């Protein structure tokens, strides 16, 4: 089965096997957002357990 290239570009796999994704809302219109909001959006967040099985099958 082929891997989905879009998922490999958007998902980061850690050394222990956790899957991380980028937080949405940082691509444009950043002048309207507060600096503390932008700081929170620069970090990666974990993927919900409900989506893990589906996403791992595409990797």
Protein backbone atom coordinates (compact mmCIF):
# COMPACT_ATOMS: atom_id res chain seq x y z
CA UNK A 1 0.00 0.00 0.00
CA UNK A 2 1.35 3.43 -0.92
CA UNK A 3 1.80 6.15 1.67
CA UNK A 4 -0.25 9.31 1.40
CA UNK A 5 2.29 12.03 0.65
CA UNK A 6 0.10 14.80 2.02
CA UNK A 7 -0.02 13.11 5.42
CA UNK A 8 3.76 12.65 5.55
CA UNK A 9 4.19 16.37 4.86
CA UNK A 10 1.72 17.47 7.54
CA UNK A 11 2.41 14.96 10.34
CA UNK A 12 5.61 14.73 12.36
CA UNK A 13 6.56 11.42 13.98
CA UNK A 14 8.60 11.71 17.18
CA UNK A 15 11.31 9.32 18.29
CA UNK A 16 8.91 7.45 20.55
CA UNK A 17 6.29 7.12 17.83
CA UNK A 18 3.89 9.92 18.78
CA UNK A 19 2.21 11.79 15.95
CA UNK A 20 2.23 15.59 16.04
CA UNK A 21 0.54 18.16 13.82
CA UNK A 22 0.81 21.90 13.35
CA UNK A 23 -1.84 24.14 14.88
CA UNK A 24 -4.11 25.82 12.36
CA UNK A 25 -4.47 29.56 11.88
CA UNK A 26 -0.90 30.79 11.41
CA UNK A 27 -0.68 31.07 7.63
CA UNK A 28 -2.13 34.59 7.13
CA UNK A 29 -3.97 37.50 8.84
CA UNK A 30 -1.49 37.48 11.70
CA UNK A 31 -1.77 41.21 12.40
CA UNK A 32 -5.23 40.67 13.88
CA UNK A 33 -4.04 38.00 16.32
CA UNK A 34 -2.37 38.69 19.64
CA UNK A 35 1.28 37.86 20.14
CA UNK A 36 0.47 35.35 22.88
CA UNK A 37 -1.95 33.60 20.54
CA UNK A 38 0.72 33.36 17.85
CA UNK A 39 3.22 31.95 20.37
CA UNK A 40 0.78 29.16 21.24
CA UNK A 41 0.24 28.34 17.58
CA UNK A 42 3.95 27.89 16.79
CA UNK A 43 4.23 24.68 18.78
CA UNK A 44 3.09 21.27 17.59
CA UNK A 45 0.04 19.64 19.14
CA UNK A 46 -0.77 15.96 19.48
CA UNK A 47 -3.33 14.15 17.38
CA UNK A 48 -6.49 12.92 19.04
CA UNK A 49 -6.74 9.23 19.82
CA UNK A 50 -9.84 8.92 17.64
CA UNK A 51 -7.80 9.79 14.53
CA UNK A 52 -4.62 7.86 15.31
CA UNK A 53 -5.63 4.55 13.74
CA UNK A 54 -6.81 6.18 10.52
CA UNK A 55 -3.73 8.34 10.13
CA UNK A 56 -1.27 5.54 10.94
CA UNK A 57 -2.81 3.44 8.18
CA UNK A 58 -1.96 6.16 5.65
CA UNK A 59 1.68 6.49 6.75
